[in-house]
Protein backbone atom coordinates (compact mmCIF):
# COMPACT_ATOMS: atom_id res chain seq x y z
CA UNK A 1 -23.06 16.75 8.98
CA UNK A 2 -21.00 17.68 12.04
CA UNK A 3 -23.16 15.46 14.26
CA UNK A 4 -22.83 12.58 11.79
CA UNK A 5 -19.03 12.91 11.84
CA UNK A 6 -18.96 12.94 15.63
CA UNK A 7 -21.13 9.79 15.67
CA UNK A 8 -18.82 8.01 13.24
CA UNK A 9 -15.68 9.02 15.15
CA UNK A 10 -17.28 7.75 18.37
CA UNK A 11 -18.08 4.45 16.67
CA UNK A 12 -14.54 4.02 15.37
CA UNK A 13 -13.16 4.98 18.79
CA UNK A 14 -15.29 2.23 20.33
CA UNK A 15 -13.94 -0.30 17.85
CA UNK A 16 -10.41 0.95 18.57
CA UNK A 17 -11.00 0.37 22.27
CA UNK A 18 -12.26 -3.16 21.60
CA UNK A 19 -9.27 -4.03 19.41
CA UNK A 20 -6.57 -1.87 20.94
CA UNK A 21 -3.73 -3.47 22.83
CA UNK A 22 -4.84 -6.98 21.93
CA UNK A 23 -2.89 -9.33 19.73
CA UNK A 24 -4.71 -10.79 16.74
CA UNK A 25 -4.83 -14.19 18.40
CA UNK A 26 -6.56 -12.71 21.45
CA UNK A 27 -9.43 -11.18 19.50
CA UNK A 28 -12.70 -13.12 19.62
CA UNK A 29 -13.51 -15.05 16.45
CA UNK A 30 -16.01 -12.86 14.58
CA UNK A 31 -19.36 -14.42 13.73
CA UNK A 32 -19.52 -13.60 10.01
CA UNK A 33 -20.78 -15.70 7.12
CA UNK A 34 -17.56 -16.25 5.20
CA UNK A 35 -19.49 -17.93 2.39
CA UNK A 36 -21.60 -14.87 1.66
CA UNK A 37 -21.55 -13.59 -1.92
CA UNK A 38 -19.14 -10.65 -1.77
CA UNK A 39 -18.33 -8.24 -4.60
CA UNK A 40 -14.73 -7.11 -4.16
CA UNK A 41 -14.18 -3.95 -6.23
CA UNK A 42 -10.53 -3.10 -6.97
CA UNK A 43 -9.34 -0.11 -9.02
CA UNK A 44 -7.24 -2.00 -11.56
CA UNK A 45 -4.80 -4.91 -11.78
CA UNK A 46 -1.89 -3.89 -14.04
CA UNK A 47 0.49 -6.23 -12.19
CA UNK A 48 0.80 -8.08 -8.88
CA UNK A 49 1.98 -5.69 -6.17
CA UNK A 50 0.87 -4.71 -2.66
CA UNK A 51 -2.69 -3.76 -3.58
CA UNK A 52 -3.20 -6.99 -5.47
CA UNK A 53 -1.87 -8.96 -2.50
CA UNK A 54 -4.58 -7.36 -0.37
CA UNK A 55 -7.12 -8.23 -3.07
CA UNK A 56 -5.96 -11.86 -3.11
CA UNK A 57 -6.23 -12.08 0.66
CA UNK A 58 -9.76 -10.66 0.64
CA UNK A 59 -10.75 -13.35 -1.84
CA UNK A 60 -9.16 -15.94 0.46
CA UNK A 61 -11.18 -14.68 3.45
CA UNK A 62 -14.40 -14.88 1.43
CA UNK A 63 -14.22 -17.92 -0.89
CA UNK A 64 -17.36 -16.93 -2.84
CA UNK A 65 -16.07 -13.45 -3.62
CA UNK A 66 -16.01 -12.14 -7.18
CA UNK A 67 -13.68 -9.38 -8.34
CA UNK A 68 -14.74 -6.26 -10.25
CA UNK A 69 -11.83 -4.27 -11.66
CA UNK A 70 -11.42 -1.69 -14.43
CA UNK A 71 -8.39 -3.31 -16.07
CA UNK A 72 -6.99 -6.80 -15.58
CA UNK A 73 -3.54 -7.56 -16.96
CA UNK A 74 -2.50 -10.23 -14.44
CA UNK A 75 -0.66 -13.19 -15.97
CA UNK A 76 -2.37 -16.58 -15.96
CA UNK A 77 0.19 -18.06 -13.56
CA UNK A 78 -0.53 -15.29 -11.02
CA UNK A 79 -4.26 -15.98 -11.30
CA UNK A 80 -3.70 -19.69 -10.78
CA UNK A 81 -1.52 -19.15 -7.70
CA UNK A 82 -3.31 -16.30 -5.94
CA UNK A 83 -6.84 -16.28 -7.38
CA UNK A 84 -7.82 -19.92 -7.96
CA UNK A 85 -11.46 -20.21 -9.09
CA UNK A 86 -12.05 -16.45 -8.60
CA UNK A 87 -14.26 -14.80 -11.23
CA UNK A 88 -13.00 -11.44 -12.57
CA UNK A 89 -15.33 -8.85 -14.12
CA UNK A 90 -13.69 -6.01 -16.07
CA UNK A 91 -14.88 -2.75 -17.61
CA UNK A 92 -15.63 -2.36 -21.28
CA UNK A 93 -12.41 -0.29 -21.55
CA UNK A 94 -10.38 -3.41 -20.79
CA UNK A 95 -11.06 -4.54 -24.37
CA UNK A 96 -9.68 -1.42 -26.06
CA UNK A 97 -6.64 -1.94 -28.32
CA UNK A 98 -3.27 -1.21 -26.71
CA UNK A 99 -5.04 -0.46 -23.42
CA UNK A 100 -2.29 -2.10 -21.38
CA UNK A 101 0.07 0.65 -22.55
CA UNK A 102 -2.14 3.71 -21.97
CA UNK A 103 -4.74 2.65 -19.36
CA UNK A 104 -3.45 5.18 -16.80
CA UNK A 105 -4.17 8.00 -19.26
CA UNK A 106 -7.85 7.04 -19.07
CA UNK A 107 -8.15 8.13 -15.44
CA UNK A 108 -10.73 10.80 -16.33
CA UNK A 109 -13.11 8.03 -17.55
CA UNK A 110 -12.60 5.77 -14.53
CA UNK A 111 -15.29 7.32 -12.26
CA UNK A 112 -17.86 6.74 -15.01
CA UNK A 113 -16.57 3.21 -15.70
CA UNK A 114 -16.60 2.16 -12.03
CA UNK A 115 -20.24 3.25 -11.77
CA UNK A 116 -21.19 0.83 -14.55
CA UNK A 117 -20.45 -2.26 -12.44
CA UNK A 118 -23.69 -3.80 -11.17
CA UNK A 119 -22.94 -5.21 -7.72
CA UNK A 120 -26.44 -4.73 -6.29
CA UNK A 121 -27.18 -8.45 -6.30
CA UNK A 122 -24.41 -9.34 -3.82
CA UNK A 123 -24.73 -9.76 -0.06
CA UNK A 124 -22.05 -7.13 0.58
CA UNK A 125 -19.40 -5.03 -1.13
CA UNK A 126 -15.75 -4.60 -0.20
CA UNK A 127 -13.93 -1.88 -2.15
CA UNK A 128 -10.13 -2.01 -2.29
CA UNK A 129 -9.44 1.59 -3.18
CA UNK A 130 -6.52 3.82 -4.03
CA UNK A 131 -8.64 5.87 -6.41
CA UNK A 132 -11.97 4.84 -7.92
CA UNK A 133 -13.43 1.60 -6.57
CA UNK A 134 -15.05 3.26 -3.56
CA UNK A 135 -17.48 5.00 -5.96
CA UNK A 136 -19.23 1.80 -7.03
CA UNK A 137 -23.04 2.11 -6.78
CA UNK A 138 -24.61 0.04 -3.99
CA UNK A 139 -28.10 -0.55 -2.56
CA UNK A 140 -29.07 1.55 0.48
CA UNK A 141 -29.27 -1.59 2.63
CA UNK A 142 -26.12 -3.23 1.20
CA UNK A 143 -23.11 -3.38 3.57
CA UNK A 144 -20.09 -1.62 2.06
CA UNK A 145 -16.65 -1.89 3.65
CA UNK A 146 -13.90 0.19 2.06
CA UNK A 147 -10.22 -0.71 2.47
CA UNK A 148 -8.32 2.50 1.62
CA UNK A 149 -4.78 2.09 0.32
CA UNK A 150 -4.65 5.86 -0.17
CA UNK A 151 -6.84 8.79 -1.17
CA UNK A 152 -6.09 9.63 -4.81
CA UNK A 153 -2.50 10.84 -4.59
CA UNK A 154 -2.34 12.84 -7.81
CA UNK A 155 -5.70 14.57 -7.20
CA UNK A 156 -5.00 15.79 -3.67
CA UNK A 157 -1.83 16.57 -1.70
CA UNK A 158 0.61 15.37 -4.38
CA UNK A 159 -1.07 17.08 -7.33
CA UNK A 160 1.64 19.71 -7.74
CA UNK A 161 4.43 17.15 -7.56
CA UNK A 162 2.82 15.06 -10.31
CA UNK A 163 2.14 18.15 -12.45
CA UNK A 164 5.76 19.26 -12.10
CA UNK A 165 7.16 15.82 -12.92
CA UNK A 166 4.82 15.55 -15.92
CA UNK A 167 5.81 19.08 -17.02
CA UNK A 168 2.20 20.22 -17.04
CA UNK A 169 2.34 24.00 -16.82
CA UNK A 170 -0.48 26.45 -17.58
CA UNK A 171 -0.61 25.94 -21.32
CA UNK A 172 -3.70 24.40 -22.98
CA UNK A 173 -2.67 20.84 -22.12
CA UNK A 174 -1.73 21.72 -18.53
CA UNK A 175 -4.96 23.63 -17.92
CA UNK A 176 -7.04 20.76 -19.33
CA UNK A 177 -5.23 18.31 -17.07
CA UNK A 178 -5.73 20.53 -14.00
CA UNK A 179 -9.43 20.87 -14.79
CA UNK A 180 -9.81 17.09 -15.02
CA UNK A 181 -8.14 16.73 -11.62
CA UNK A 182 -10.54 19.35 -10.25
CA UNK A 183 -13.53 17.34 -11.54
CA UNK A 184 -11.99 14.17 -10.10
CA UNK A 185 -11.73 15.81 -6.65
CA UNK A 186 -15.41 16.76 -6.82
CA UNK A 187 -16.39 13.17 -7.64
CA UNK A 188 -14.06 11.82 -4.97
CA UNK A 189 -15.67 13.99 -2.29
CA UNK A 190 -19.15 13.08 -3.45
CA UNK A 191 -18.45 9.36 -3.05
CA UNK A 192 -16.50 9.63 0.20
CA UNK A 193 -19.50 8.88 2.40
CA UNK A 194 -20.80 5.86 0.47
CA UNK A 195 -19.05 3.12 2.51
CA UNK A 196 -20.43 2.18 5.91
CA UNK A 197 -16.93 1.80 7.35
CA UNK A 198 -13.48 2.76 6.11
CA UNK A 199 -10.28 0.89 6.92
CA UNK A 200 -6.90 2.57 6.43
CA UNK A 201 -3.74 0.62 5.70
CA UNK A 202 -1.65 2.83 8.03
CA UNK A 203 -1.89 5.64 10.56
CA UNK A 204 -0.66 8.03 7.85
CA UNK A 205 -3.51 7.12 5.50
CA UNK A 206 -5.95 7.35 8.40
CA UNK A 207 -4.87 10.97 8.97
CA UNK A 208 -5.23 11.74 5.24
CA UNK A 209 -8.75 10.27 5.22
CA UNK A 210 -9.76 12.42 8.15
CA UNK A 211 -8.24 15.58 6.69
CA UNK A 212 -9.57 15.13 3.13
CA UNK A 213 -12.93 13.43 3.68
CA UNK A 214 -13.75 14.36 7.28
CA UNK A 215 -14.19 10.66 8.13
CA UNK A 216 -12.44 8.44 10.64
CA UNK A 217 -11.11 4.99 9.83
CA UNK A 218 -9.80 1.90 11.54
CA UNK A 219 -6.16 1.01 10.83
CA UNK A 220 -5.77 -2.50 9.42
CA UNK A 221 -2.26 -3.06 8.11
CA UNK A 222 -1.90 -5.03 4.86
CA UNK A 223 -0.99 -8.73 5.04
CA UNK A 224 2.66 -9.69 4.71
CA UNK A 225 3.11 -13.06 2.95
CA UNK A 226 5.35 -14.57 5.62
CA UNK A 227 5.15 -18.02 4.03
CA UNK A 228 7.20 -16.72 1.09
CA UNK A 229 9.90 -15.23 3.34
CA UNK A 230 12.65 -16.56 5.60
CA UNK A 231 14.77 -15.22 8.44
CA UNK A 232 18.51 -14.60 7.90
CA UNK A 233 20.43 -13.66 11.09
CA UNK A 234 23.87 -13.06 9.49
CA UNK A 235 23.96 -10.28 6.92
CA UNK A 236 26.23 -9.49 3.99
CA UNK A 237 27.98 -6.16 3.42
CA UNK A 238 25.56 -4.39 1.08
CA UNK A 239 22.46 -2.22 1.33
CA UNK A 240 19.33 -2.79 -0.73
CA UNK A 241 16.47 -0.66 -1.96
CA UNK A 242 13.49 -2.21 -3.69
CA UNK A 243 10.58 -0.32 -5.21
CA UNK A 244 8.52 0.41 -8.26
CA UNK A 245 10.45 3.29 -9.80
CA UNK A 246 7.73 5.94 -9.43
CA UNK A 247 8.83 9.53 -8.68
CA UNK A 248 7.33 9.62 -5.17
CA UNK A 249 9.48 6.64 -4.14
CA UNK A 250 12.47 9.05 -4.28
CA UNK A 251 15.02 6.53 -5.47
CA UNK A 252 16.98 9.51 -6.73
CA UNK A 253 17.69 10.46 -3.10
CA UNK A 254 18.98 6.96 -2.32
CA UNK A 255 21.18 6.83 -5.40
CA UNK A 256 22.60 10.31 -4.83
CA UNK A 257 23.42 9.43 -1.21
CA UNK A 258 25.29 6.25 -2.14
CA UNK A 259 27.04 7.86 -5.12
CA UNK A 260 28.53 10.25 -2.56
CA UNK A 261 29.53 7.27 -0.34
CA UNK A 262 31.61 5.14 -2.77
CA UNK A 263 32.79 2.78 -0.03
CA UNK A 264 29.26 1.49 0.58
CA UNK A 265 27.57 -0.90 -1.83
CA UNK A 266 23.93 -0.49 -2.88
CA UNK A 267 21.78 -2.97 -4.80
CA UNK A 268 18.67 -1.55 -6.52
CA UNK A 269 15.96 -4.16 -7.11
CA UNK A 270 13.29 -3.38 -9.70
CA UNK A 271 13.30 -1.84 -13.15
CA UNK A 272 10.59 0.56 -14.26
CA UNK A 273 10.01 3.95 -15.87
CA UNK A 274 12.86 5.94 -14.34
CA UNK A 275 15.55 3.29 -14.57
CA UNK A 276 17.58 4.91 -17.39
CA UNK A 277 17.62 8.24 -15.58
CA UNK A 278 18.59 6.59 -12.30
CA UNK A 279 21.33 4.49 -13.85
CA UNK A 280 22.85 7.57 -15.46
CA UNK A 281 23.36 9.26 -12.08
CA UNK A 282 24.58 6.16 -10.19
CA UNK A 283 28.18 5.59 -9.12
CA UNK A 284 30.11 2.32 -9.69
CA UNK A 285 29.23 1.14 -6.16
CA UNK A 286 25.54 0.89 -7.19
CA UNK A 287 24.20 -2.10 -9.11
CA UNK A 288 20.76 -2.60 -10.67
CA UNK A 289 19.25 -6.09 -10.78
CA UNK A 290 16.23 -5.29 -12.93
CA UNK A 291 13.06 -7.22 -12.28
CA UNK A 292 13.70 -10.37 -10.23
CA UNK A 293 11.67 -13.53 -9.70
CA UNK A 294 10.08 -13.62 -6.25
CA UNK A 295 12.62 -16.10 -4.86
CA UNK A 296 15.61 -13.99 -5.94
CA UNK A 297 13.97 -10.81 -4.67
CA UNK A 298 13.55 -12.37 -1.22
CA UNK A 299 17.18 -13.52 -1.24
CA UNK A 300 18.40 -9.99 -1.91
CA UNK A 301 16.39 -8.35 0.87
CA UNK A 302 17.01 -11.17 3.36
CA UNK A 303 20.82 -11.03 3.13
CA UNK A 304 21.20 -7.23 3.01
CA UNK A 305 22.86 -5.33 5.82
CA UNK A 306 19.83 -2.99 5.79
CA UNK A 307 17.07 -1.85 3.47
CA UNK A 308 17.09 1.85 2.57
CA UNK A 309 13.93 3.72 1.59
CA UNK A 310 13.50 7.48 1.01
CA UNK A 311 9.89 7.62 -0.22
CA UNK A 312 6.72 8.52 1.63
CA UNK A 313 4.86 5.23 1.24
CA UNK A 314 1.26 4.75 2.34
CA UNK A 315 2.31 1.55 4.12
CA UNK A 316 5.12 -0.31 2.38
CA UNK A 317 4.73 -4.09 2.34
CA UNK A 318 8.31 -4.34 1.05
CA UNK A 319 9.54 -2.71 4.26
CA UNK A 320 7.61 -5.15 6.44
CA UNK A 321 8.89 -8.06 4.33
CA UNK A 322 12.47 -6.96 4.94
CA UNK A 323 11.81 -6.81 8.68
CA UNK A 324 10.44 -10.37 8.69
CA UNK A 325 13.69 -11.48 7.03
CA UNK A 326 15.59 -9.86 9.92
CA UNK A 327 16.77 -6.93 7.81
CA UNK A 328 16.96 -3.49 9.53
CA UNK A 329 15.33 -0.47 7.88
CA UNK A 330 16.70 3.00 7.24
CA UNK A 331 13.63 4.90 6.07
CA UNK A 332 12.09 8.32 5.69
CA UNK A 333 10.03 8.85 8.82
CA UNK A 334 6.78 9.94 7.20
CA UNK A 335 4.11 7.54 5.94
CA UNK A 336 3.79 3.84 6.64
CA UNK A 337 7.42 3.47 7.73
CA UNK A 338 6.48 5.20 11.01
CA UNK A 339 4.09 2.30 11.72
CA UNK A 340 6.63 -0.37 10.79
CA UNK A 341 9.99 0.77 12.20
CA UNK A 342 10.76 0.76 15.91
CA UNK A 343 13.29 3.63 15.80
CA UNK A 344 16.80 3.45 17.20
CA UNK A 345 16.99 5.62 20.31
CA UNK A 346 13.23 5.53 20.91
CA UNK A 347 12.35 1.83 21.25
CA UNK A 348 13.81 -0.74 23.64
CA UNK A 349 14.13 -3.28 20.80
CA UNK A 350 14.92 -1.02 17.80
CA UNK A 351 14.52 -2.33 14.25
CA UNK A 352 15.93 0.56 12.25
CA UNK A 353 16.47 4.30 11.80
CA UNK A 354 14.00 6.96 10.68
CA UNK A 355 15.24 10.21 9.12
CA UNK A 356 13.25 13.42 8.80
CA UNK A 357 14.26 15.10 5.51
CA UNK A 358 14.03 13.66 1.99
CA UNK A 359 17.54 14.53 0.86
CA UNK A 360 20.81 12.71 0.31
CA UNK A 361 22.59 14.28 3.29
CA UNK A 362 19.89 13.27 5.78
CA UNK A 363 19.96 9.73 4.44
CA UNK A 364 23.75 9.58 4.63
CA UNK A 365 23.62 10.82 8.23
CA UNK A 366 21.04 8.13 9.03
CA UNK A 367 23.30 5.45 7.57
CA UNK A 368 26.21 6.74 9.66
CA UNK A 369 23.96 6.63 12.75
CA UNK A 370 22.89 3.08 11.93
CA UNK A 371 26.45 1.83 11.46
CA UNK A 372 27.60 3.46 14.70
CA UNK A 373 24.83 1.64 16.60
CA UNK A 374 24.37 -1.44 14.43
CA UNK A 375 24.85 -3.86 17.32
CA UNK A 376 21.71 -2.45 18.96
CA UNK A 377 19.52 -3.40 15.98
CA UNK A 378 19.14 -7.17 16.28
CA UNK A 379 17.90 -9.13 13.25
CA UNK A 380 15.74 -11.22 15.58
CA UNK A 381 14.01 -8.08 16.88
CA UNK A 382 13.28 -7.08 13.27
CA UNK A 383 11.83 -10.53 12.60
CA UNK A 384 9.55 -10.49 15.64
CA UNK A 385 8.48 -6.93 14.85
CA UNK A 386 7.09 -8.03 11.47
CA UNK A 387 4.95 -10.82 12.91
CA UNK A 388 2.29 -8.24 13.79
CA UNK A 389 1.67 -7.82 10.04
CA UNK A 390 0.82 -11.48 9.38
CA UNK A 391 -1.86 -12.71 6.99
CA UNK A 392 -3.74 -14.40 9.85
CA UNK A 393 -3.94 -11.08 11.70
CA UNK A 394 -5.23 -9.35 8.55
CA UNK A 395 -7.91 -12.02 8.03
CA UNK A 396 -9.14 -11.68 11.59
CA UNK A 397 -9.28 -7.88 11.51
CA UNK A 398 -11.17 -7.89 8.20
CA UNK A 399 -13.72 -10.29 9.70
CA UNK A 400 -13.88 -8.11 12.80
CA UNK A 401 -14.64 -5.08 10.63
CA UNK A 402 -17.31 -6.93 8.68
CA UNK A 403 -18.87 -8.14 11.94
CA UNK A 404 -19.26 -4.50 13.03
CA UNK A 405 -21.74 -4.06 10.16
CA UNK A 406 -25.07 -5.38 11.57
CA UNK A 407 -26.27 -6.80 8.25
CA UNK A 408 -23.20 -9.10 8.05
CA UNK A 409 -23.53 -10.85 11.39
CA UNK A 410 -24.24 -14.56 11.05
């Protein structure tokens, strides 16, 4: 096993050397059959967010791809815009009554359900995985590329945070839940060596893959839909934060910081599970937009003085989108933000500020630091910084990864 790991790390290091330091446009065009029949396996599609954008782009790279996903709740208009003529296959659980409401509670069945997809007749498999899709059963000679959004958060390093937030102690219910997570970790480790090559969406996820699974991975950042965005050089006097209101996003830190800074205005974009709790602790200088249409969302992030983010995100497409619009970032310095932000005081063309502790005081200090040096963070530098996350670059790097699998070379 140790020798196999060393061989894989050497292989990934070789690919790193081939790609490293070269812009996407400088990479040779990979010789891959883009019309091959590809099975793209994605955990689930409850709505259209970052993971689903990656899924849509994979289907664009391979026009004959078909999608296998446990649950599909995407609206028809989203399918028509982002998945024209793409066939979706779902699990039998997708037909259960009220499944849209409680599908996440079925996580303990998902390993079994993902193994019921028959993808053995396809030329290759690409799994888009934040949890289960990597465990799909493939032929021994079938190329399998895995794009890892994250190892399963709630089964590994964030288990205790999720248990605490869900108030799962050591009573009968809590013990049952902990046992199910234990079984999920066992399955996750067993399937970790199925793919021929793993791609990580950030350096942070790459380090988690190596620590948890003992595998190395190439970093291929997700695609930012630059065609839906626009650059705004002159900003208005408000800050913005935009995120799905999950606990790990730490919107509570952002709201507490701005509640203690009543002279600064904050706009919170998005409206999910924690919104009532967050609204109850917010000061009058904080406004909540609720869910916004895409055009209005872009307007809010493009005109903001800066985007503020206190979560530890695996990558954070929203952060890269803000940069493309010329909006500086003030973000917690762990996770994908460290790949995106060129920090003030460390880069010659800074695009934002990174802070080191997830608390309101550290965020407030970072905002003070940003405002004292705001002239050094040029909107144009932010815009150019985000161009390295383009869709064209993603397409080319996916093809490059597929070309590294001998069975996929045209």
